[in-house]
Amino acid sequence: MKNFFKQLLIVVCCLSSVPVFAQSRQQLKNDSVFVLVKKYFNERQAESIYELAGAQFKKELSIDAFRDVAARQLFPAGPIRESSLISFVNNKMSAYKLVFDTGVLQLLMTLDKDDKLELFLFKPYKEQGPDKLKAVRTSNLMRTLTDKKVDSAARNYIQKANTVGLSIGIIKNGIMHTYNYGETTAGNNQMPDANNLFEIGSITKTFAATLLAYYVNEGKVKLTDHITKYLPDSVAANKELQKVTLLTLSNHTSGLPRLPDNFEYHSSDLYDPYKDYTKEYLFSYLKTCKLVSKPGETYAYSNLAVGLLGTILEQVSGKSFEQMTEEIICTPLNMQSTGQHLNPVLKQRFVSVYNEDGKATSPWNFSALAACGALRSTVNDLLVYVRANMIKSDNALSRAFELTHQITFDKDAKLGLAWHIVLVNNVEYYFHNGGTYGCNSFLAFNAERNIAVVVLSNAGRSTDELGTDILKKLQ
């Protein structure tokens, strides 16, 4: 089948996806609407499905057009025989696997603020290739029960056909352990180690939040500052922005969309989508943009918001995002292998990257939106970073970490500054993940239980399930 409603799909470049640790309230809403969609689909009631749609959906597609699509391209597939949830991304988008007599499709579905259909997109469902037959090489010596638990989780990931290399770090009872699997480049027979660099994607957002907290504690900004205070007059004149604060940029309640609507028009490289999006394009968008919700009221994950936060902090400090990160976070923690732009020495330790199909792709580069996902790092550095988040010290950086952990929003999602607070077997963890086209990352910790997990992969396959499985086994 064709992508019937492609005109309704806003092209985005995912940098993060909150995993399904437990059913959130929003997921329950999505699932409830899907039950009705499935019922009406099997009864061939196009009008009833259409009545589940929101205003924007109906604006894009009339009832007559929807009836035509349903009659000619949807209903001929026959009834939905089986259905299952594949993923629930960013506490918003559900992906369902649908089995028909004629084949298998995937349905992507989101709801608007009124719990009406916003995105309703059918796509081909792509089955993964067979698992690797030969056991992938590992540094895991399988000497302890913890080693064996990590290996049992890691094998479920690294033996898949579309994965290449994997670097895992854990902290349990104050002791760090690292484990490595696979290859730094497909076919080179060179196993990664804990000093190989990967793209960490949206884990970068927690660094941006730490910089914000640091400057708050220094008295240079306030969380309640309106962003118009830091924007050019021509941009600040947009009344839509006047209630957006630095806090709402960091906790994804600003009302700004996931990406600006002029984003795709300024990308010259399909495989490196962020590199050409400059501050000029960002400000041009902000001059006339419209918010999708009232600031502070609704969680909606936004790369744009955190990217803008980084741009504002650059103005406050007079330094680039990378300089701030190095001076305020990396140097005090002796994290020498974390940064945005890699020098020749670090480049030698940077892995090759592969997309979700296991094909070689390009690393990402960033301009104005760097704070949303530009950093590269290692398992060793991220273990230092997460341990510093877990252990309180009497210094400015530790106080900044502590501020990022304070709860700032607790409705359909629970957040500090950038950090998502999620449940795994009824235990709360501070969590963030990341995903570029060629890398995936996972970081979660609970200071009271003295547990942390870091997972880095040089493949487009999500590491959320793997990281969650390790957490469950370590509890």
Protein backbone atom coordinates (compact mmCIF):
# COMPACT_ATOMS: atom_id res chain seq x y z
CA MET A 1 0.00 0.00 0.00
CA LYS A 2 0.98 3.61 -0.48
CA ASN A 3 1.56 6.12 2.34
CA PHE A 4 -2.02 7.31 2.14
CA PHE A 5 -1.81 10.33 4.36
CA LYS A 6 1.73 11.48 3.71
CA GLN A 7 0.47 15.06 3.49
CA LEU A 8 -0.37 14.81 7.19
CA LEU A 9 3.05 13.61 8.26
CA ILE A 10 5.53 16.27 9.34
CA VAL A 11 9.01 15.05 8.46
CA VAL A 12 11.10 14.91 11.61
CA CYS A 13 14.55 13.68 12.50
CA CYS A 14 14.26 11.68 15.68
CA LEU A 15 16.82 12.38 18.36
CA SER A 16 15.02 10.75 21.18
CA SER A 17 12.18 8.45 22.01
CA VAL A 18 10.85 7.87 25.49
CA PRO A 19 10.51 4.08 25.76
CA VAL A 20 7.57 2.09 26.96
CA PHE A 21 8.63 1.44 30.56
CA ALA A 22 5.04 1.40 31.74
CA GLN A 23 1.78 2.48 30.17
CA SER A 24 1.51 6.25 30.53
CA ARG A 25 -1.82 8.02 30.61
CA GLN A 26 -1.23 9.24 27.08
CA GLN A 27 -0.48 5.75 25.81
CA LEU A 28 -3.72 4.52 27.34
CA LYS A 29 -5.56 7.29 25.47
CA ASN A 30 -3.88 6.33 22.19
CA ASP A 31 -4.71 2.66 22.73
CA SER A 32 -8.35 3.51 23.50
CA VAL A 33 -8.71 5.42 20.24
CA PHE A 34 -6.95 2.61 18.35
CA VAL A 35 -9.52 0.10 19.66
CA LEU A 36 -12.23 2.22 18.02
CA VAL A 37 -10.20 2.65 14.83
CA LYS A 38 -9.80 -1.12 14.55
CA LYS A 39 -13.51 -1.71 15.21
CA TYR A 40 -14.66 0.83 12.61
CA PHE A 41 -12.03 -0.34 10.11
CA ASN A 42 -13.25 -3.91 10.32
CA GLU A 43 -16.85 -2.68 9.94
CA ARG A 44 -15.74 -0.57 6.93
CA GLN A 45 -17.17 2.58 8.57
CA ALA A 46 -15.07 5.36 7.07
CA GLU A 47 -17.33 8.07 8.48
CA SER A 48 -16.93 6.75 12.02
CA ILE A 49 -13.13 6.72 11.73
CA TYR A 50 -13.26 10.26 10.34
CA GLU A 51 -15.26 11.42 13.36
CA LEU A 52 -12.35 10.35 15.56
CA ALA A 53 -10.15 12.92 13.78
CA GLY A 54 -9.23 16.38 15.01
CA ALA A 55 -9.60 19.76 13.38
CA GLN A 56 -6.17 19.78 11.71
CA PHE A 57 -6.71 16.33 10.23
CA LYS A 58 -10.08 17.37 8.82
CA LYS A 59 -8.58 20.57 7.46
CA GLU A 60 -6.02 18.55 5.52
CA LEU A 61 -8.40 15.83 4.34
CA SER A 62 -12.11 16.21 3.64
CA ILE A 63 -14.63 13.51 4.46
CA ASP A 64 -15.14 12.81 0.75
CA ALA A 65 -11.40 12.41 0.21
CA PHE A 66 -11.13 10.15 3.24
CA ARG A 67 -14.04 7.98 2.05
CA ASP A 68 -12.33 7.63 -1.32
CA VAL A 69 -8.99 6.63 0.21
CA ALA A 70 -10.69 4.19 2.57
CA ALA A 71 -12.77 2.59 -0.19
CA ARG A 72 -9.99 2.30 -2.76
CA GLN A 73 -6.85 1.71 -0.69
CA LEU A 74 -7.65 0.78 2.92
CA PHE A 75 -10.69 -1.48 3.12
CA PRO A 76 -9.60 -3.73 0.21
CA ALA A 77 -6.87 -5.07 2.52
CA GLY A 78 -9.64 -6.84 4.41
CA PRO A 79 -10.24 -6.91 8.17
CA ILE A 80 -7.44 -6.47 10.68
CA ARG A 81 -6.84 -10.03 11.93
CA GLU A 82 -4.15 -9.22 14.48
CA SER A 83 -2.72 -6.04 15.97
CA SER A 84 0.07 -5.23 18.41
CA LEU A 85 1.83 -2.13 19.72
CA ILE A 86 5.34 -1.83 18.29
CA SER A 87 6.45 1.36 20.02
CA PHE A 88 5.23 4.48 21.79
CA VAL A 89 7.57 7.36 20.98
CA ASN A 90 8.01 10.61 22.93
CA ASN A 91 4.87 9.97 24.96
CA LYS A 92 2.90 10.76 21.79
CA MET A 93 3.20 8.54 18.71
CA SER A 94 2.00 4.95 18.74
CA ALA A 95 3.10 2.47 16.11
CA TYR A 96 0.89 -0.59 15.65
CA LYS A 97 1.59 -3.73 13.62
CA LEU A 98 -1.52 -4.73 11.68
CA VAL A 99 -1.94 -8.20 10.16
CA PHE A 100 -4.37 -8.58 7.24
CA ASP A 101 -5.16 -11.57 5.06
CA THR A 102 -3.34 -9.70 2.29
CA GLY A 103 -0.21 -8.76 4.25
CA VAL A 104 1.17 -6.70 7.12
CA LEU A 105 1.12 -2.91 7.58
CA GLN A 106 2.22 -0.47 10.24
CA LEU A 107 -0.07 2.29 11.54
CA LEU A 108 1.47 5.44 13.01
CA MET A 109 -0.98 7.37 15.17
CA THR A 110 -0.91 10.50 17.32
CA LEU A 111 -3.64 12.44 19.09
CA ASP A 112 -4.06 16.19 19.38
CA LYS A 113 -4.71 18.12 22.60
CA ASP A 114 -8.38 17.11 22.41
CA ASP A 115 -7.48 13.41 22.08
CA LYS A 116 -8.56 13.37 18.44
CA LEU A 117 -6.59 11.79 15.60
CA GLU A 118 -3.79 14.05 14.45
CA LEU A 119 -1.49 11.68 12.58
CA PHE A 120 -3.02 8.60 10.93
CA LEU A 121 -0.46 7.07 8.61
CA PHE A 122 -0.29 3.58 7.14
CA LYS A 123 3.16 2.36 6.10
CA PRO A 124 4.61 -0.95 4.93
CA TYR A 125 5.76 -3.11 7.81
CA LYS A 126 9.35 -4.19 7.39
CA GLU A 127 10.36 -7.47 8.99
CA GLN A 128 13.93 -7.63 10.24
CA GLY A 129 16.33 -10.07 8.65
CA PRO A 130 17.34 -13.29 10.40
CA ASP A 131 19.58 -13.03 13.46
CA LYS A 132 23.31 -13.54 13.09
CA LEU A 133 24.06 -17.25 13.27
CA LYS A 134 27.50 -16.92 14.83
CA ALA A 135 27.84 -15.51 18.35
CA VAL A 136 29.15 -11.94 18.16
CA ARG A 137 32.50 -11.39 19.89
CA THR A 138 32.48 -9.77 23.30
CA SER A 139 34.81 -8.62 26.06
CA ASN A 140 32.34 -9.98 28.62
CA LEU A 141 34.17 -12.76 30.49
CA MET A 142 30.96 -14.13 32.02
CA ARG A 143 32.62 -14.56 35.43
CA THR A 144 29.92 -13.12 37.66
CA LEU A 145 26.15 -13.26 37.83
CA THR A 146 26.06 -9.59 36.78
CA ASP A 147 28.21 -10.37 33.73
CA LYS A 148 25.79 -13.11 32.72
CA LYS A 149 22.74 -10.89 33.22
CA VAL A 150 24.22 -8.17 31.03
CA ASP A 151 25.15 -10.71 28.37
CA SER A 152 21.68 -12.23 28.23
CA ALA A 153 20.23 -8.77 27.59
CA ALA A 154 22.98 -7.71 25.16
CA ARG A 155 22.64 -10.86 23.03
CA ASN A 156 19.01 -10.02 22.28
CA TYR A 157 20.29 -6.83 20.65
CA ILE A 158 23.71 -7.49 19.14
CA GLN A 159 22.72 -10.76 17.44
CA LYS A 160 20.15 -8.89 15.31
CA ALA A 161 20.99 -8.57 11.63
CA ASN A 162 20.91 -4.76 11.65
CA THR A 163 23.32 -4.13 14.57
CA VAL A 164 27.11 -3.76 14.45
CA GLY A 165 28.78 -2.69 17.71
CA LEU A 166 27.75 -2.15 21.29
CA SER A 167 29.38 -0.57 24.33
CA ILE A 168 27.73 -0.94 27.75
CA GLY A 169 28.58 0.57 31.11
CA ILE A 170 26.92 -0.08 34.44
CA ILE A 171 27.28 1.12 37.99
CA LYS A 172 26.10 -1.27 40.66
CA ASN A 173 26.83 -0.80 44.34
CA GLY A 174 29.30 1.94 43.46
CA ILE A 175 31.40 -0.25 41.14
CA MET A 176 31.73 0.45 37.41
CA HIS A 177 31.73 -2.33 34.83
CA THR A 178 32.04 -2.07 31.06
CA TYR A 179 31.19 -4.59 28.35
CA ASN A 180 31.73 -4.45 24.60
CA TYR A 181 30.32 -6.41 21.68
CA GLY A 182 30.66 -6.56 17.92
CA GLU A 183 32.73 -4.25 15.73
CA THR A 184 33.60 -0.57 15.40
CA THR A 185 33.17 -0.93 11.63
CA ALA A 186 31.27 -3.77 10.01
CA GLY A 187 33.75 -6.42 8.88
CA ASN A 188 36.89 -4.96 10.51
CA ASN A 189 36.94 -7.54 13.32
CA GLN A 190 37.84 -4.78 15.79
CA MET A 191 35.75 -4.80 18.93
CA PRO A 192 34.80 -1.43 20.43
CA ASP A 193 36.05 -0.59 23.90
CA ALA A 194 34.84 1.82 26.55
CA ASN A 195 36.91 4.62 24.97
CA ASN A 196 35.34 4.47 21.51
CA LEU A 197 33.21 7.50 20.69
CA PHE A 198 29.59 7.29 19.55
CA GLU A 199 26.98 9.92 18.75
CA ILE A 200 24.88 10.29 21.91
CA GLY A 201 22.03 12.24 20.28
CA SER A 202 19.50 13.62 22.72
CA ILE A 203 21.44 12.72 25.86
CA THR A 204 23.05 16.03 24.83
CA LYS A 205 19.88 17.71 26.14
CA THR A 206 20.84 16.81 29.72
CA PHE A 207 24.14 18.65 29.18
CA ALA A 208 22.19 21.69 27.95
CA ALA A 209 19.97 21.48 31.03
CA THR A 210 23.05 21.35 33.26
CA LEU A 211 24.42 24.50 31.61
CA LEU A 212 21.07 26.21 32.17
CA ALA A 213 21.05 25.17 35.84
CA TYR A 214 24.65 26.33 36.26
CA TYR A 215 23.85 29.81 34.96
CA VAL A 216 20.69 29.94 37.09
CA ASN A 217 22.75 29.21 40.20
CA GLU A 218 25.29 31.83 39.08
CA GLY A 219 22.49 34.43 38.89
CA LYS A 220 22.99 35.03 35.16
CA VAL A 221 19.51 33.80 34.19
CA LYS A 222 16.29 32.68 35.87
CA LEU A 223 14.21 29.66 34.96
CA THR A 224 11.20 31.98 34.84
CA ASP A 225 12.86 34.38 32.37
CA HIS A 226 10.81 34.82 29.22
CA ILE A 227 12.82 33.91 26.15
CA THR A 228 11.95 37.21 24.48
CA LYS A 229 14.41 38.82 26.91
CA TYR A 230 17.22 37.11 25.00
CA LEU A 231 15.94 37.33 21.43
CA PRO A 232 16.43 40.05 18.81
CA ASP A 233 13.66 42.67 18.86
CA SER A 234 12.33 41.51 15.51
CA VAL A 235 11.85 38.01 16.94
CA ALA A 236 10.69 39.07 20.40
CA ALA A 237 7.88 41.04 18.76
CA ASN A 238 6.09 37.75 18.04
CA LYS A 239 3.40 37.66 20.74
CA GLU A 240 3.26 33.86 20.54
CA LEU A 241 6.68 33.69 22.25
CA GLN A 242 6.04 36.09 25.09
CA LYS A 243 5.00 33.46 27.66
CA VAL A 244 7.66 30.91 26.76
CA THR A 245 10.30 30.63 29.50
CA LEU A 246 13.72 29.05 29.76
CA LEU A 247 12.16 26.40 32.00
CA THR A 248 9.58 25.40 29.40
CA LEU A 249 12.27 25.11 26.74
CA SER A 250 14.11 22.60 28.90
CA ASN A 251 11.17 20.46 30.04
CA HIS A 252 9.39 20.28 26.67
CA THR A 253 6.33 22.31 27.68
CA SER A 254 7.11 25.44 25.64
CA GLY A 255 4.41 24.83 23.04
CA LEU A 256 7.03 24.93 20.29
CA PRO A 257 6.78 22.08 17.77
CA ARG A 258 9.29 19.27 17.52
CA LEU A 259 11.10 21.02 14.65
CA PRO A 260 10.58 24.35 12.88
CA ASP A 261 8.47 24.20 9.74
CA ASN A 262 11.33 25.65 7.66
CA PHE A 263 13.73 22.94 8.82
CA GLU A 264 13.55 20.59 5.86
CA TYR A 265 13.85 23.43 3.36
CA HIS A 266 17.30 24.35 4.63
CA SER A 267 18.81 20.87 4.67
CA SER A 268 21.10 20.15 1.74
CA ASP A 269 22.01 16.65 2.91
CA LEU A 270 19.27 14.09 3.50
CA TYR A 271 21.59 12.04 5.70
CA ASP A 272 22.95 14.97 7.75
CA PRO A 273 19.80 17.04 8.28
CA TYR A 274 20.85 19.50 11.02
CA LYS A 275 24.15 20.83 9.69
CA ASP A 276 22.76 23.65 7.54
CA TYR A 277 20.13 24.95 9.95
CA THR A 278 21.67 28.24 11.08
CA LYS A 279 20.71 30.88 13.62
CA GLU A 280 19.42 33.06 10.77
CA TYR A 281 16.97 30.36 9.71
CA LEU A 282 15.96 29.77 13.33
CA PHE A 283 15.20 33.44 13.98
CA SER A 284 13.40 33.74 10.65
CA TYR A 285 11.09 30.93 11.73
CA LEU A 286 10.54 32.32 15.22
CA LYS A 287 9.42 35.72 13.90
CA THR A 288 6.12 34.29 12.68
CA CYS A 289 5.79 30.89 14.39
CA LYS A 290 2.65 29.68 16.14
CA LEU A 291 2.70 27.61 19.31
CA VAL A 292 0.93 24.26 19.34
CA SER A 293 -0.09 24.54 23.01
CA LYS A 294 -0.07 27.00 25.89
CA PRO A 295 3.40 27.22 27.53
CA GLY A 296 3.76 25.17 30.70
CA GLU A 297 0.63 23.07 30.24
CA THR A 298 1.40 20.26 27.80
CA TYR A 299 4.39 17.97 27.35
CA ALA A 300 5.47 17.78 23.71
CA TYR A 301 9.03 16.67 23.00
CA SER A 302 10.85 19.39 21.06
CA ASN A 303 14.31 19.39 19.53
CA LEU A 304 13.62 22.97 18.46
CA ALA A 305 13.03 24.11 22.05
CA VAL A 306 16.27 22.73 23.46
CA GLY A 307 18.19 23.86 20.39
CA LEU A 308 16.85 27.37 21.00
CA LEU A 309 17.81 27.08 24.68
CA GLY A 310 21.39 26.39 23.63
CA THR A 311 21.37 29.40 21.31
CA ILE A 312 20.13 31.62 24.15
CA LEU A 313 22.79 30.32 26.54
CA GLU A 314 25.42 31.05 23.90
CA GLN A 315 24.26 34.66 23.93
CA VAL A 316 24.27 34.80 27.73
CA SER A 317 27.79 33.36 28.01
CA GLY A 318 29.38 34.69 24.83
CA LYS A 319 30.62 31.16 24.17
CA SER A 320 29.58 28.33 21.88
CA PHE A 321 27.58 25.38 23.19
CA GLU A 322 30.67 23.22 22.81
CA GLN A 323 32.85 25.68 24.77
CA MET A 324 30.33 25.88 27.60
CA THR A 325 30.05 22.11 27.75
CA GLU A 326 33.81 21.68 27.87
CA GLU A 327 34.50 24.37 30.46
CA ILE A 328 31.57 23.82 32.83
CA ILE A 329 31.08 20.03 32.62
CA CYS A 330 33.81 18.11 30.83
CA THR A 331 36.96 19.74 32.20
CA PRO A 332 35.92 19.60 35.89
CA LEU A 333 34.96 15.93 35.46
CA ASN A 334 38.03 15.12 33.33
CA MET A 335 35.79 13.93 30.50
CA GLN A 336 38.40 14.22 27.76
CA SER A 337 36.50 12.23 25.12
CA THR A 338 33.26 14.20 24.96
CA GLY A 339 32.58 16.99 22.49
CA GLN A 340 30.83 18.24 19.40
CA HIS A 341 33.75 18.55 17.00
CA LEU A 342 36.41 15.86 17.25
CA ASN A 343 40.13 16.52 16.95
CA PRO A 344 42.25 14.10 14.88
CA VAL A 345 43.06 11.93 17.90
CA LEU A 346 39.42 11.53 18.93
CA LYS A 347 38.35 10.92 15.33
CA GLN A 348 40.46 7.77 15.32
CA ARG A 349 38.28 6.39 18.12
CA PHE A 350 34.96 7.40 16.55
CA VAL A 351 32.98 4.39 15.33
CA SER A 352 31.46 3.96 11.89
CA VAL A 353 27.69 4.42 11.94
CA TYR A 354 24.86 2.39 10.39
CA ASN A 355 21.17 3.05 9.80
CA GLU A 356 18.17 1.04 10.92
CA ASP A 357 18.62 -1.33 7.98
CA GLY A 358 22.25 -1.96 8.92
CA LYS A 359 23.60 0.11 6.01
CA ALA A 360 26.47 2.59 6.40
CA THR A 361 25.31 6.18 6.87
CA SER A 362 26.74 9.59 7.84
CA PRO A 363 27.35 11.06 11.29
CA TRP A 364 25.38 14.19 12.04
CA ASN A 365 26.69 17.75 12.33
CA PHE A 366 24.90 20.68 13.93
CA SER A 367 24.69 24.44 13.68
CA ALA A 368 22.05 26.49 15.57
CA LEU A 369 20.32 23.49 17.16
CA ALA A 370 23.49 21.90 18.60
CA ALA A 371 22.15 21.72 22.16
CA CYS A 372 19.49 19.22 21.13
CA GLY A 373 21.85 16.46 20.02
CA ALA A 374 25.36 17.36 18.85
CA LEU A 375 27.64 15.62 21.35
CA ARG A 376 29.76 12.51 20.87
CA SER A 377 31.07 10.59 23.86
CA THR A 378 32.28 7.27 25.27
CA VAL A 379 30.94 4.83 27.82
CA ASN A 380 33.81 5.71 30.17
CA ASP A 381 33.03 9.43 30.00
CA LEU A 382 29.29 8.90 30.40
CA LEU A 383 29.88 6.69 33.45
CA VAL A 384 31.82 9.59 34.98
CA TYR A 385 28.99 11.94 34.02
CA VAL A 386 26.24 9.77 35.46
CA ARG A 387 28.20 9.10 38.66
CA ALA A 388 28.61 12.86 39.13
CA ASN A 389 24.84 13.18 38.75
CA MET A 390 24.35 10.52 41.42
CA ILE A 391 26.79 11.76 44.06
CA LYS A 392 26.28 15.18 45.64
CA SER A 393 29.34 17.36 46.15
CA ASP A 394 29.87 20.88 47.41
CA ASN A 395 30.75 22.50 44.10
CA ALA A 396 29.00 24.52 41.42
CA LEU A 397 28.66 21.67 38.94
CA SER A 398 27.11 19.32 41.48
CA ARG A 399 24.63 22.00 42.50
CA ALA A 400 23.72 22.39 38.83
CA PHE A 401 23.12 18.65 38.51
CA GLU A 402 20.92 18.76 41.61
CA LEU A 403 18.78 21.55 40.12
CA THR A 404 18.24 19.54 36.91
CA HIS A 405 16.80 16.71 39.01
CA GLN A 406 14.07 18.82 40.63
CA ILE A 407 10.64 17.97 39.26
CA THR A 408 9.29 20.70 37.00
CA PHE A 409 6.35 18.91 35.35
CA ASP A 410 4.20 15.96 36.37
CA LYS A 411 1.17 15.35 34.17
CA ASP A 412 1.29 12.86 31.29
CA ALA A 413 5.06 12.80 31.70
CA LYS A 414 7.32 13.52 34.68
CA LEU A 415 10.38 15.70 34.11
CA GLY A 416 13.11 17.66 35.79
CA LEU A 417 15.19 19.87 33.50
CA ALA A 418 15.54 17.68 30.38
CA TRP A 419 15.62 14.50 32.49
CA HIS A 420 12.59 12.23 32.16
CA ILE A 421 11.65 10.36 35.33
CA VAL A 422 10.42 6.92 34.32
CA LEU A 423 9.34 3.73 36.03
CA VAL A 424 11.00 0.35 35.59
CA ASN A 425 9.33 -2.33 37.71
CA ASN A 426 7.95 0.45 39.96
CA VAL A 427 11.41 1.96 40.54
CA GLU A 428 11.97 5.54 39.38
CA TYR A 429 14.97 6.38 37.21
CA TYR A 430 16.26 9.62 35.76
CA PHE A 431 16.48 8.82 32.09
CA HIS A 432 17.36 10.09 28.66
CA ASN A 433 18.13 8.41 25.37
CA GLY A 434 19.23 9.49 21.94
CA GLY A 435 19.05 8.43 18.34
CA THR A 436 20.64 9.74 15.18
CA TYR A 437 20.40 7.91 11.88
CA GLY A 438 23.50 5.90 12.78
CA CYS A 439 23.74 5.65 16.58
CA ASN A 440 21.49 4.97 19.54
CA SER A 441 22.08 5.69 23.21
CA PHE A 442 20.48 5.05 26.58
CA LEU A 443 21.30 6.45 30.04
CA ALA A 444 19.39 5.90 33.27
CA PHE A 445 20.22 6.07 36.97
CA ASN A 446 18.78 5.79 40.47
CA ALA A 447 21.07 7.32 43.08
CA GLU A 448 19.35 5.70 46.08
CA ARG A 449 19.77 2.23 44.63
CA ASN A 450 23.24 3.11 43.32
CA ILE A 451 22.38 1.75 39.87
CA ALA A 452 23.15 3.27 36.49
CA VAL A 453 23.15 1.93 32.94
CA VAL A 454 24.76 3.44 29.84
CA VAL A 455 24.33 1.85 26.41
CA LEU A 456 25.90 3.08 23.16
CA SER A 457 25.34 1.48 19.76
CA ASN A 458 26.61 2.41 16.30
CA ALA A 459 23.37 1.35 14.63
CA GLY A 460 19.97 2.90 14.00
CA ARG A 461 18.22 0.20 16.02
CA SER A 462 16.89 1.59 19.31
CA THR A 463 18.69 0.58 22.51
CA ASP A 464 15.70 1.35 24.78
CA GLU A 465 14.57 -2.25 25.21
CA LEU A 466 18.15 -3.37 25.88
CA GLY A 467 18.81 -0.66 28.47
CA THR A 468 15.49 -1.34 30.19
CA ASP A 469 16.17 -5.07 30.28
CA ILE A 470 19.56 -4.50 31.96
CA LEU A 471 17.93 -2.25 34.57
CA LYS A 472 15.36 -4.93 35.35
CA LYS A 473 18.05 -7.57 35.74
CA LEU A 474 20.16 -5.36 38.04
CA GLN A 475 17.31 -4.42 40.41
